[in-house]
Protein backbone atom coordinates (compact mmCIF):
# COMPACT_ATOMS: atom_id res chain seq x y z
CA MET A 1 -101.59 -75.03 -0.69
CA ILE A 2 -103.65 -75.98 -3.79
CA GLU A 3 -104.54 -79.31 -2.21
CA VAL A 4 -105.86 -77.59 0.94
CA LEU A 5 -107.96 -75.18 -1.13
CA SER A 6 -109.30 -78.10 -3.20
CA PHE A 7 -110.41 -79.93 -0.06
CA PHE A 8 -112.03 -76.75 1.22
CA ALA A 9 -113.95 -76.42 -2.08
CA VAL A 10 -115.16 -80.03 -1.71
CA PHE A 11 -116.35 -79.43 1.85
CA LEU A 12 -118.05 -76.20 0.79
CA THR A 13 -119.91 -78.12 -1.95
CA ILE A 14 -121.00 -80.78 0.57
CA PHE A 15 -122.12 -77.98 2.89
CA LEU A 16 -124.28 -76.34 0.20
CA PHE A 17 -125.70 -79.75 -0.79
CA GLY A 18 -126.63 -80.39 2.84
CA MET A 19 -128.38 -77.02 2.97
CA LEU A 20 -130.38 -77.95 -0.13
CA LEU A 21 -131.39 -81.30 1.39
CA LEU A 22 -132.50 -79.62 4.61
CA LYS A 23 -134.69 -77.20 2.68
CA ILE A 24 -136.20 -79.99 0.54
CA GLY A 25 -136.88 -82.15 3.58
CA LEU A 26 -138.57 -79.35 5.51
CA GLN A 27 -140.68 -78.27 2.55
CA ASN A 28 -141.92 -81.86 1.96
CA PHE A 29 -142.50 -82.57 5.62
CA GLU A 30 -146.08 -82.68 6.87
CA ASN A 31 -146.57 -79.17 8.08
CA GLN A 32 -148.71 -79.62 11.16
CA PRO A 33 -146.59 -82.08 13.27
CA LEU A 34 -143.38 -80.13 12.69
CA ARG A 35 -145.08 -76.82 13.36
CA ASN A 36 -146.50 -78.19 16.62
CA GLN A 37 -143.06 -79.33 17.81
CA LEU A 38 -141.44 -76.03 16.86
CA SER A 39 -144.26 -74.14 18.55
CA PHE A 40 -143.59 -76.07 21.76
CA LEU A 41 -139.82 -75.43 21.70
CA THR A 42 -140.22 -71.77 20.70
CA LYS A 43 -143.44 -70.91 22.51
CA THR A 44 -142.06 -67.59 23.74
CA SER A 45 -138.86 -65.61 23.25
CA ALA A 46 -137.55 -67.13 26.49
CA HIS A 47 -138.32 -70.66 25.25
CA SER A 48 -136.57 -69.90 21.94
CA PHE A 49 -133.58 -68.46 23.79
CA LEU A 50 -133.23 -71.53 26.03
CA THR A 51 -133.70 -73.85 23.04
CA GLY A 52 -130.81 -72.09 21.28
CA ILE A 53 -128.60 -72.54 24.36
CA LEU A 54 -129.48 -76.22 24.78
CA ILE A 55 -129.09 -77.27 21.14
CA THR A 56 -125.78 -75.42 20.79
CA PHE A 57 -124.53 -76.91 24.06
CA ILE A 58 -125.30 -80.39 22.68
CA THR A 59 -123.92 -79.88 19.17
CA GLN A 60 -120.98 -77.69 20.28
CA SER A 61 -121.49 -75.58 17.14
CA SER A 62 -123.41 -72.32 17.01
CA SER A 63 -122.93 -72.22 13.22
CA VAL A 64 -125.03 -75.37 12.76
CA VAL A 65 -127.82 -73.97 14.96
CA ILE A 66 -127.89 -70.65 13.10
CA ILE A 67 -127.88 -72.44 9.74
CA ILE A 68 -130.84 -74.62 10.80
CA ALA A 69 -132.65 -71.50 12.03
CA ILE A 70 -132.07 -69.83 8.63
CA VAL A 71 -133.51 -72.86 6.85
CA LEU A 72 -136.55 -72.95 9.15
CA VAL A 73 -137.15 -69.23 8.66
CA SER A 74 -136.82 -69.58 4.88
CA ALA A 75 -139.29 -72.49 4.88
CA ARG A 76 -141.63 -70.36 7.07
CA PHE A 77 -141.66 -72.92 9.86
CA LEU A 78 -140.11 -70.49 12.36
CA PRO A 79 -141.01 -66.80 12.75
CA LEU A 80 -138.12 -64.37 12.49
CA ARG A 81 -138.83 -63.01 15.97
CA LYS A 82 -138.26 -66.42 17.56
CA ALA A 83 -135.26 -67.15 15.33
CA LEU A 84 -133.53 -64.02 16.65
CA SER A 85 -134.00 -65.34 20.20
CA VAL A 86 -132.53 -68.70 19.16
CA THR A 87 -129.52 -66.83 17.74
CA LEU A 88 -128.89 -65.04 21.04
CA GLY A 89 -129.10 -68.34 22.89
CA ALA A 90 -126.78 -70.09 20.43
CA ASN A 91 -124.04 -67.53 21.08
CA ILE A 92 -124.17 -68.37 24.80
CA GLY A 93 -124.49 -72.13 24.37
CA ALA A 94 -121.24 -72.24 22.40
CA TRP A 95 -119.31 -70.87 25.38
CA ILE A 96 -120.89 -72.78 28.27
CA PRO A 97 -118.16 -74.95 29.83
CA SER A 98 -118.78 -78.64 29.26
CA PHE A 99 -117.24 -81.35 31.44
CA VAL A 100 -117.96 -84.00 28.84
CA PHE A 101 -117.08 -82.99 25.29
CA PHE A 102 -118.93 -84.95 22.65
CA PRO A 103 -117.32 -84.47 19.22
CA VAL A 104 -119.87 -83.52 16.56
CA SER A 105 -118.01 -85.81 14.13
CA ASN A 106 -119.39 -88.80 16.07
CA LEU A 107 -122.83 -87.93 14.68
CA ILE A 108 -121.81 -88.20 11.02
CA LEU A 109 -122.24 -91.96 10.51
CA PRO A 110 -125.53 -92.32 12.48
CA LEU A 111 -127.08 -89.34 10.65
CA LEU A 112 -126.06 -90.55 7.19
CA LEU A 113 -127.01 -94.21 7.77
CA LEU A 114 -130.34 -93.46 9.45
CA GLY A 115 -131.11 -90.82 6.84
CA THR A 116 -130.37 -93.25 3.99
CA PHE A 117 -132.55 -95.95 5.57
CA LEU A 118 -135.52 -93.59 6.03
CA ILE A 119 -135.19 -92.21 2.49
CA MET A 120 -135.65 -95.74 1.08
CA LEU A 121 -138.98 -96.21 2.91
CA SER A 122 -142.22 -95.59 1.03
CA SER A 123 -143.74 -93.23 3.62
CA ARG A 124 -143.58 -89.54 2.71
CA LYS A 125 -143.00 -88.64 6.35
CA SER A 126 -140.09 -91.10 6.61
CA PHE A 127 -138.63 -89.78 3.36
CA SER A 128 -138.77 -86.18 4.61
CA ILE A 129 -137.18 -87.07 7.96
CA GLY A 130 -134.50 -89.08 6.14
CA VAL A 131 -133.66 -86.18 3.83
CA ILE A 132 -133.42 -83.85 6.85
CA LEU A 133 -131.12 -86.26 8.73
CA PHE A 134 -128.96 -86.84 5.65
CA GLY A 135 -128.73 -83.08 5.15
CA LEU A 136 -127.64 -82.63 8.77
CA GLY A 137 -125.07 -85.36 8.20
CA CYS A 138 -123.71 -83.50 5.17
CA LEU A 139 -123.48 -80.28 7.19
CA THR A 140 -121.63 -82.15 9.94
CA VAL A 141 -119.25 -83.69 7.39
CA ALA A 142 -118.51 -80.25 5.92
CA LEU A 143 -117.93 -78.51 9.26
CA SER A 144 -115.85 -81.41 10.63
CA GLY A 145 -113.88 -81.47 7.40
CA CYS A 146 -113.08 -77.78 7.70
CA LYS A 147 -111.86 -78.45 11.23
CA SER A 148 -109.65 -81.31 10.05
CA LEU A 149 -108.03 -78.99 7.51
CA SER A 150 -106.40 -77.17 10.42
CA HIS A 151 -103.94 -80.06 10.87
CA THR A 152 -102.78 -79.46 7.30
CA LEU A 153 -103.15 -75.70 7.37
CA PHE A 154 -101.11 -74.75 10.42
CA PRO A 155 -97.84 -76.49 9.44
CA LEU A 156 -97.75 -74.56 6.16
CA THR A 157 -94.89 -72.12 5.91
CA PHE A 158 -97.03 -69.11 5.05
CA VAL A 159 -99.20 -69.70 8.14
CA GLN A 160 -96.17 -69.89 10.43
CA ASP A 161 -94.70 -66.76 8.87
CA SER A 162 -98.00 -64.97 9.33
CA MET A 163 -98.11 -65.93 13.00
CA ASN A 164 -94.65 -64.42 13.42
CA LEU A 165 -95.94 -61.14 11.99
CA LEU A 166 -98.79 -60.89 14.49
CA SER A 167 -96.60 -59.22 17.09
CA SER A 168 -95.89 -56.26 14.80
CA ASN A 169 -99.07 -56.00 12.73
CA GLU A 170 -102.41 -56.32 14.54
CA LEU A 171 -104.39 -55.62 11.35
CA LEU A 172 -102.79 -58.63 9.71
CA GLY A 173 -103.69 -60.67 12.79
CA SER A 174 -107.34 -59.69 12.39
CA ILE A 175 -107.29 -60.69 8.71
CA ILE A 176 -105.70 -64.04 9.51
CA GLY A 177 -108.31 -64.58 12.23
CA VAL A 178 -111.10 -63.95 9.72
CA LEU A 179 -109.56 -66.40 7.24
CA LEU A 180 -108.98 -69.12 9.83
CA GLY A 181 -112.44 -68.66 11.33
CA GLY A 182 -114.04 -68.81 7.90
CA ILE A 183 -112.17 -72.00 6.98
CA ILE A 184 -112.32 -73.97 10.22
CA GLN A 185 -115.75 -72.69 11.39
CA SER A 186 -115.16 -73.40 15.07
CA HIS A 187 -114.34 -70.47 17.31
CA THR A 188 -114.12 -72.84 20.29
CA PHE A 189 -111.44 -74.92 18.53
CA LEU A 190 -109.44 -71.85 17.46
CA PHE A 191 -109.96 -70.23 20.85
CA GLU A 192 -108.22 -73.15 22.54
CA ILE A 193 -105.29 -72.86 20.11
CA VAL A 194 -104.94 -69.14 20.84
CA LEU A 195 -105.08 -69.80 24.60
CA GLU A 196 -102.36 -72.42 24.26
CA ALA A 197 -100.23 -69.93 22.31
CA ILE A 198 -100.72 -67.34 25.08
CA LYS A 199 -99.86 -69.88 27.75
CA GLU A 200 -96.65 -70.86 25.95
CA GLN A 201 -95.88 -67.15 25.39
CA ALA A 202 -95.72 -67.79 21.66
CA LEU A 203 -98.27 -65.04 21.01
CA PRO A 204 -98.43 -61.63 22.76
CA PHE A 205 -101.65 -61.00 24.65
CA LYS A 206 -102.48 -57.83 22.69
CA SER A 207 -102.03 -59.62 19.36
CA SER A 208 -104.22 -62.48 20.53
CA LEU A 209 -107.14 -60.07 21.05
CA PHE A 210 -106.98 -58.92 17.42
CA LEU A 211 -106.70 -62.54 16.29
CA LEU A 212 -109.74 -63.52 18.37
CA TRP A 213 -111.68 -60.58 16.94
CA GLY A 214 -111.00 -61.86 13.42
CA ILE A 215 -111.91 -65.43 14.40
CA SER A 216 -115.24 -64.26 15.79
CA ILE A 217 -116.04 -62.55 12.49
CA GLY A 218 -114.77 -65.43 10.35
CA THR A 219 -116.93 -68.05 12.07
CA SER A 220 -120.00 -65.98 11.19
CA LEU A 221 -119.40 -66.26 7.44
CA PHE A 222 -120.89 -69.72 6.78
CA PRO A 223 -124.38 -68.70 8.00
CA LEU A 224 -124.11 -65.79 5.55
CA VAL A 225 -123.29 -68.28 2.77
CA ALA A 226 -126.23 -70.41 3.91
CA SER A 227 -128.59 -67.46 3.50
CA ILE A 228 -127.74 -66.96 -0.19
CA GLY A 229 -130.69 -69.03 -1.39
CA SER A 230 -133.03 -68.03 1.42
CA ASN A 231 -135.74 -65.39 1.60
CA LYS A 232 -135.39 -61.89 3.06
CA GLU A 233 -136.04 -63.12 6.61
CA GLY A 234 -133.24 -65.70 6.32
CA LYS A 235 -130.82 -63.07 5.02
CA PHE A 236 -131.83 -60.69 7.81
CA LEU A 237 -131.16 -63.41 10.42
CA ALA A 238 -127.69 -64.06 8.98
CA LEU A 239 -126.87 -60.33 8.96
CA PHE A 240 -128.14 -60.00 12.54
CA TYR A 241 -125.83 -62.84 13.60
CA ILE A 242 -122.82 -61.22 11.91
CA LEU A 243 -123.56 -57.74 13.29
CA LEU A 244 -124.10 -59.18 16.77
CA ASN A 245 -120.71 -60.89 16.71
CA THR A 246 -118.91 -57.99 15.02
CA LEU A 247 -120.19 -55.13 17.16
CA GLY A 248 -120.32 -57.15 20.37
CA THR A 249 -116.82 -58.54 20.05
CA SER A 250 -115.39 -55.17 18.97
CA ILE A 251 -116.85 -53.30 21.94
CA PHE A 252 -116.11 -55.88 24.59
CA LEU A 253 -112.61 -56.73 23.40
CA SER A 254 -111.78 -53.01 23.53
CA LEU A 255 -113.09 -52.78 27.09
CA PHE A 256 -111.33 -55.99 28.05
CA TYR A 257 -107.99 -54.76 26.72
CA ALA A 258 -108.40 -51.46 28.57
CA PHE A 259 -109.21 -53.06 31.93
CA HIS A 260 -107.56 -56.49 31.81
CA HIS A 261 -104.70 -55.31 34.04
CA ILE A 262 -107.24 -54.42 36.74
CA LEU A 263 -109.12 -57.68 36.20
CA SER A 264 -105.89 -59.65 36.53
CA LEU A 265 -105.71 -58.47 40.14
CA LEU A 266 -108.64 -60.82 40.84
CA PHE A 267 -106.10 -63.68 40.72
CA PHE A 268 -107.32 -64.95 37.34
CA THR A 269 -104.88 -65.91 34.64
CA GLU A 270 -105.20 -64.28 31.22
CA GLU A 271 -106.63 -67.51 29.79
CA GLU A 272 -109.28 -67.72 32.54
CA LEU A 273 -110.14 -64.06 32.04
CA LEU A 274 -110.67 -64.59 28.32
CA ARG A 275 -112.95 -67.58 28.93
CA LEU A 276 -114.99 -65.64 31.47
CA PHE A 277 -115.05 -62.58 29.24
CA PHE A 278 -116.50 -64.28 26.15
CA LEU A 279 -119.24 -66.03 28.11
CA SER A 280 -120.21 -62.94 30.13
CA SER A 281 -120.15 -60.67 27.05
CA HIS A 282 -122.61 -62.89 25.19
CA ILE A 283 -124.83 -63.07 28.27
CA PHE A 284 -124.82 -59.26 28.43
CA LEU A 285 -125.65 -58.98 24.71
CA ALA A 286 -128.52 -61.43 25.11
CA ALA A 287 -129.88 -59.48 28.10
CA LEU A 288 -129.62 -56.29 26.02
CA PHE A 289 -131.21 -57.53 22.78
CA LEU A 290 -133.89 -59.94 24.03
CA PRO A 291 -136.21 -57.13 25.20
CA LEU A 292 -135.56 -55.27 21.92
CA ILE A 293 -136.48 -58.07 19.50
CA LYS A 294 -140.06 -56.88 19.05
CA LEU A 295 -138.78 -53.36 18.38
CA ILE A 296 -136.26 -54.69 15.82
CA ILE A 297 -139.02 -56.58 13.99
CA TYR A 298 -141.28 -53.52 14.13
CA VAL A 299 -138.62 -51.22 12.65
CA ARG A 300 -137.81 -53.78 9.95
CA GLU A 301 -141.48 -54.09 8.97
CA ARG A 302 -141.91 -50.32 8.85
CA LYS A 303 -138.94 -49.95 6.49
CA ARG A 304 -140.39 -52.31 3.89
CA PRO A 305 -141.12 -50.49 0.64
CA TYR A 306 -144.76 -49.91 -0.22
CA ARG A 307 -146.07 -52.27 -2.89
CA PRO A 308 -149.49 -51.37 -4.31
CA THR A 309 -151.85 -54.27 -4.87
């Protein structure tokens, strides 16, 4: 148990170090070229939304995309309005079915080696790009490391005993889901484990919904940690991401539990229904919030306290 927590502390330190490198690299980068590229990818809310989907689909991690968005917002390279659209797209991109799964861990060595090589060059631009790539490599190491902890975490006696209690205590299941999601930081990875447990009838369907609710909340915690050293816009983006996952998952899981017997008549298995549900719920949330982003920014600006000059 102590060994697992020690490894988690190491990966958390690497994660925070990677965040610091990303911020340093972006702040030292020549402003105009990077701003031009970001302006092209996030020209409108729709462009930002599609960029969030695409990048998350490639990286298979919405947490990484949200963290990068927080860093860009904090460095004032990306307006908050566009970052909110990226967040909505990232939630969808994480659930788009992929026929070819490319493990993010495969990017660790190229990012670290290329980053180290560019850092050693005399050009300021090369140094900044190298620091950014090395920072991304550190983030990937940390997130992949948290995933690898699952192989050590699940065989532990207290985890197995907790899983046995899920059938009788849904609140405990939610708490365990939050803890697992916060440690492993991959709702897709944990989602597959829960589906396998349902398929093998090792976990009741009702209990799995509470567990998935906790996982959805837990995987939102690292972006909140990433926003600790950011400005108010970065903190607002992290809170928006958490509230989006918390409220959205709570509402839709309640509806899904109420109507899943009717939906099962469509000849879908419970696992297929859950896959379809999570993707469709995030699409619905994106369709709901995308038109409201300007209003959200307007309300936030109006609530700022008056500061006399």
